[in-house]
Amino acid sequence: MCIKCTAPNDRYYVLDIATGLLVCEECGFAVRNLTAEAKDDGDYIWVLNPRWPRFQSFPHLLSMTLEGGISIPECIQYGFIPSRLLTAALDFLYESGSRSS
């Protein structure tokens, strides 16, 4: 589980390029690694990288980006941990491309 919320430990993280931190997509808590000890050194990503919007849940983050025009700083998939954020971005690109064809 996420150190701060109920997200599973092996899912829903992205690697923030600017900080090198793993960001929980559900609550925004960011750490260097996925250990209990990392909790002491972690903080919310919008504190550590102010380019991130403050969000309360993954649906909140997604709605801010899709409907509010807020962009998310560059991030990538971390190892084999699935990312709902990156999956949603790919789905959006696919759907946008299908409509324009």
C-alpha atoms as a PDB file:
ATOM      1  CA  MET A   1       0.000   0.000   0.000  1.00  0.00           C
ATOM      2  CA  CYS A   2       1.040   3.589  -0.458  1.00  0.00           C
ATOM      3  CA  ILE A   3       2.803   4.971   2.586  1.00  0.00           C
ATOM      4  CA  LYS A   4       0.105   7.652   2.991  1.00  0.00           C
ATOM      5  CA  CYS A   5      -3.079   6.299   1.381  1.00  0.00           C
ATOM      6  CA  THR A   6      -4.771   3.066   0.309  1.00  0.00           C
ATOM      7  CA  ALA A   7      -3.246   2.733  -3.175  1.00  0.00           C
ATOM      8  CA  PRO A   8      -1.496  -0.628  -3.657  1.00  0.00           C
ATOM      9  CA  ASN A   9       2.281  -0.469  -3.242  1.00  0.00           C
ATOM     10  CA  ASP A  10       2.979  -2.001  -6.648  1.00  0.00           C
ATOM     11  CA  ARG A  11       0.677   0.278  -8.656  1.00  0.00           C
ATOM     12  CA  TYR A  12      -0.264   3.826  -9.361  1.00  0.00           C
ATOM     13  CA  TYR A  13       3.120   5.509  -9.162  1.00  0.00           C
ATOM     14  CA  VAL A  14       4.905   7.640 -11.728  1.00  0.00           C
ATOM     15  CA  LEU A  15       8.481   8.868 -11.662  1.00  0.00           C
ATOM     16  CA  ASP A  16       8.661  12.664 -11.659  1.00  0.00           C
ATOM     17  CA  ILE A  17      11.523  13.593 -13.994  1.00  0.00           C
ATOM     18  CA  ALA A  18      12.415  16.898 -12.299  1.00  0.00           C
ATOM     19  CA  THR A  19      12.838  15.448  -8.808  1.00  0.00           C
ATOM     20  CA  GLY A  20      13.504  11.759  -9.451  1.00  0.00           C
ATOM     21  CA  LEU A  21      10.765  10.932  -6.945  1.00  0.00           C
ATOM     22  CA  LEU A  22       8.053   8.299  -7.126  1.00  0.00           C
ATOM     23  CA  VAL A  23       4.667   9.998  -6.959  1.00  0.00           C
ATOM     24  CA  CYS A  24       1.540   8.207  -5.773  1.00  0.00           C
ATOM     25  CA  GLU A  25      -1.158   8.984  -8.342  1.00  0.00           C
ATOM     26  CA  GLU A  26      -3.863   8.658  -5.719  1.00  0.00           C
ATOM     27  CA  CYS A  27      -2.650  11.057  -3.017  1.00  0.00           C
ATOM     28  CA  GLY A  28       0.439  12.830  -4.399  1.00  0.00           C
ATOM     29  CA  PHE A  29       2.877  11.659  -1.730  1.00  0.00           C
ATOM     30  CA  ALA A  30       6.379  11.436  -3.216  1.00  0.00           C
ATOM     31  CA  VAL A  31       9.279   9.282  -2.040  1.00  0.00           C
ATOM     32  CA  ARG A  32      12.690   8.128  -3.274  1.00  0.00           C
ATOM     33  CA  ASN A  33      11.805   4.441  -2.933  1.00  0.00           C
ATOM     34  CA  LEU A  34       8.888   2.276  -1.845  1.00  0.00           C
ATOM     35  CA  THR A  35      10.016   1.422   1.678  1.00  0.00           C
ATOM     36  CA  ALA A  36       8.488   2.280   5.039  1.00  0.00           C
ATOM     37  CA  GLU A  37      11.618   4.272   5.882  1.00  0.00           C
ATOM     38  CA  ALA A  38      11.036   6.521   2.863  1.00  0.00           C
ATOM     39  CA  LYS A  39       7.966   7.974   4.573  1.00  0.00           C
ATOM     40  CA  ASP A  40      10.196  10.053   6.850  1.00  0.00           C
ATOM     41  CA  ASP A  41      11.920  11.708   3.889  1.00  0.00           C
ATOM     42  CA  GLY A  42       8.865  12.036   1.635  1.00  0.00           C
ATOM     43  CA  ASP A  43       6.422  14.879   1.154  1.00  0.00           C
ATOM     44  CA  TYR A  44       3.637  15.790  -1.214  1.00  0.00           C
ATOM     45  CA  ILE A  45       4.870  16.358  -4.755  1.00  0.00           C
ATOM     46  CA  TRP A  46       3.399  19.867  -5.027  1.00  0.00           C
ATOM     47  CA  VAL A  47       5.641  20.875  -2.096  1.00  0.00           C
ATOM     48  CA  LEU A  48       8.737  19.317  -3.679  1.00  0.00           C
ATOM     49  CA  ASN A  49       7.924  20.306  -7.271  1.00  0.00           C
ATOM     50  CA  PRO A  50       5.529  23.294  -7.373  1.00  0.00           C
ATOM     51  CA  ARG A  51       4.721  22.608 -11.038  1.00  0.00           C
ATOM     52  CA  TRP A  52       2.451  19.770  -9.867  1.00  0.00           C
ATOM     53  CA  PRO A  53      -1.131  20.735  -9.029  1.00  0.00           C
ATOM     54  CA  ARG A  54      -2.459  19.944  -5.577  1.00  0.00           C
ATOM     55  CA  PHE A  55      -4.903  17.037  -5.864  1.00  0.00           C
ATOM     56  CA  GLN A  56      -6.961  14.870  -3.525  1.00  0.00           C
ATOM     57  CA  SER A  57      -7.391  11.705  -5.608  1.00  0.00           C
ATOM     58  CA  PHE A  58      -6.631  10.283  -9.016  1.00  0.00           C
ATOM     59  CA  PRO A  59     -10.073  11.243 -10.409  1.00  0.00           C
ATOM     60  CA  HIS A  60      -9.492  14.797  -9.135  1.00  0.00           C
ATOM     61  CA  LEU A  61      -6.067  14.960 -10.823  1.00  0.00           C
ATOM     62  CA  LEU A  62      -7.440  13.566 -14.072  1.00  0.00           C
ATOM     63  CA  SER A  63     -10.387  15.963 -14.153  1.00  0.00           C
ATOM     64  CA  MET A  64      -8.087  18.938 -13.514  1.00  0.00           C
ATOM     65  CA  THR A  65      -5.939  17.965 -16.491  1.00  0.00           C
ATOM     66  CA  LEU A  66      -8.760  17.093 -18.878  1.00  0.00           C
ATOM     67  CA  GLU A  67     -11.304  19.734 -17.928  1.00  0.00           C
ATOM     68  CA  GLY A  68      -9.266  22.409 -16.174  1.00  0.00           C
ATOM     69  CA  GLY A  69      -6.477  22.742 -18.684  1.00  0.00           C
ATOM     70  CA  ILE A  70      -3.809  22.095 -16.059  1.00  0.00           C
ATOM     71  CA  SER A  71      -0.703  20.347 -17.324  1.00  0.00           C
ATOM     72  CA  ILE A  72       1.250  17.815 -15.341  1.00  0.00           C
ATOM     73  CA  PRO A  73       5.053  17.999 -15.254  1.00  0.00           C
ATOM     74  CA  GLU A  74       6.994  15.414 -17.208  1.00  0.00           C
ATOM     75  CA  CYS A  75       6.809  11.953 -15.676  1.00  0.00           C
ATOM     76  CA  ILE A  76       7.436   8.400 -16.822  1.00  0.00           C
ATOM     77  CA  GLN A  77       6.475   4.885 -15.880  1.00  0.00           C
ATOM     78  CA  TYR A  78       8.618   3.449 -13.105  1.00  0.00           C
ATOM     79  CA  GLY A  79       9.779  -0.094 -13.833  1.00  0.00           C
ATOM     80  CA  PHE A  80       6.806  -2.381 -14.274  1.00  0.00           C
ATOM     81  CA  ILE A  81       4.489  -0.414 -11.992  1.00  0.00           C
ATOM     82  CA  PRO A  82       1.301   0.402 -13.925  1.00  0.00           C
ATOM     83  CA  SER A  83       0.336   4.057 -14.187  1.00  0.00           C
ATOM     84  CA  ARG A  84      -3.294   5.118 -14.514  1.00  0.00           C
ATOM     85  CA  LEU A  85      -2.160   8.610 -15.461  1.00  0.00           C
ATOM     86  CA  LEU A  86      -0.043   7.480 -18.398  1.00  0.00           C
ATOM     87  CA  THR A  87      -2.687   4.958 -19.475  1.00  0.00           C
ATOM     88  CA  ALA A  88      -5.321   7.711 -19.492  1.00  0.00           C
ATOM     89  CA  ALA A  89      -3.023   9.942 -21.564  1.00  0.00           C
ATOM     90  CA  LEU A  90      -2.506   7.197 -24.148  1.00  0.00           C
ATOM     91  CA  ASP A  91      -6.246   6.467 -24.245  1.00  0.00           C
ATOM     92  CA  PHE A  92      -6.946  10.161 -24.790  1.00  0.00           C
ATOM     93  CA  LEU A  93      -4.414  10.354 -27.635  1.00  0.00           C
ATOM     94  CA  TYR A  94      -5.867   7.233 -29.257  1.00  0.00           C
ATOM     95  CA  GLU A  95      -9.441   8.525 -28.986  1.00  0.00           C
ATOM     96  CA  SER A  96      -8.446  11.953 -30.325  1.00  0.00           C
ATOM     97  CA  GLY A  97      -6.674  10.351 -33.282  1.00  0.00           C
ATOM     98  CA  SER A  98      -9.629   8.076 -34.023  1.00  0.00           C
ATOM     99  CA  ARG A  99     -12.021  11.027 -34.126  1.00  0.00           C
ATOM    100  CA  SER A 100      -9.875  13.067 -36.505  1.00  0.00           C
ATOM    101  CA  SER A 101      -9.501  10.221 -39.044  1.00  0.00           C
END
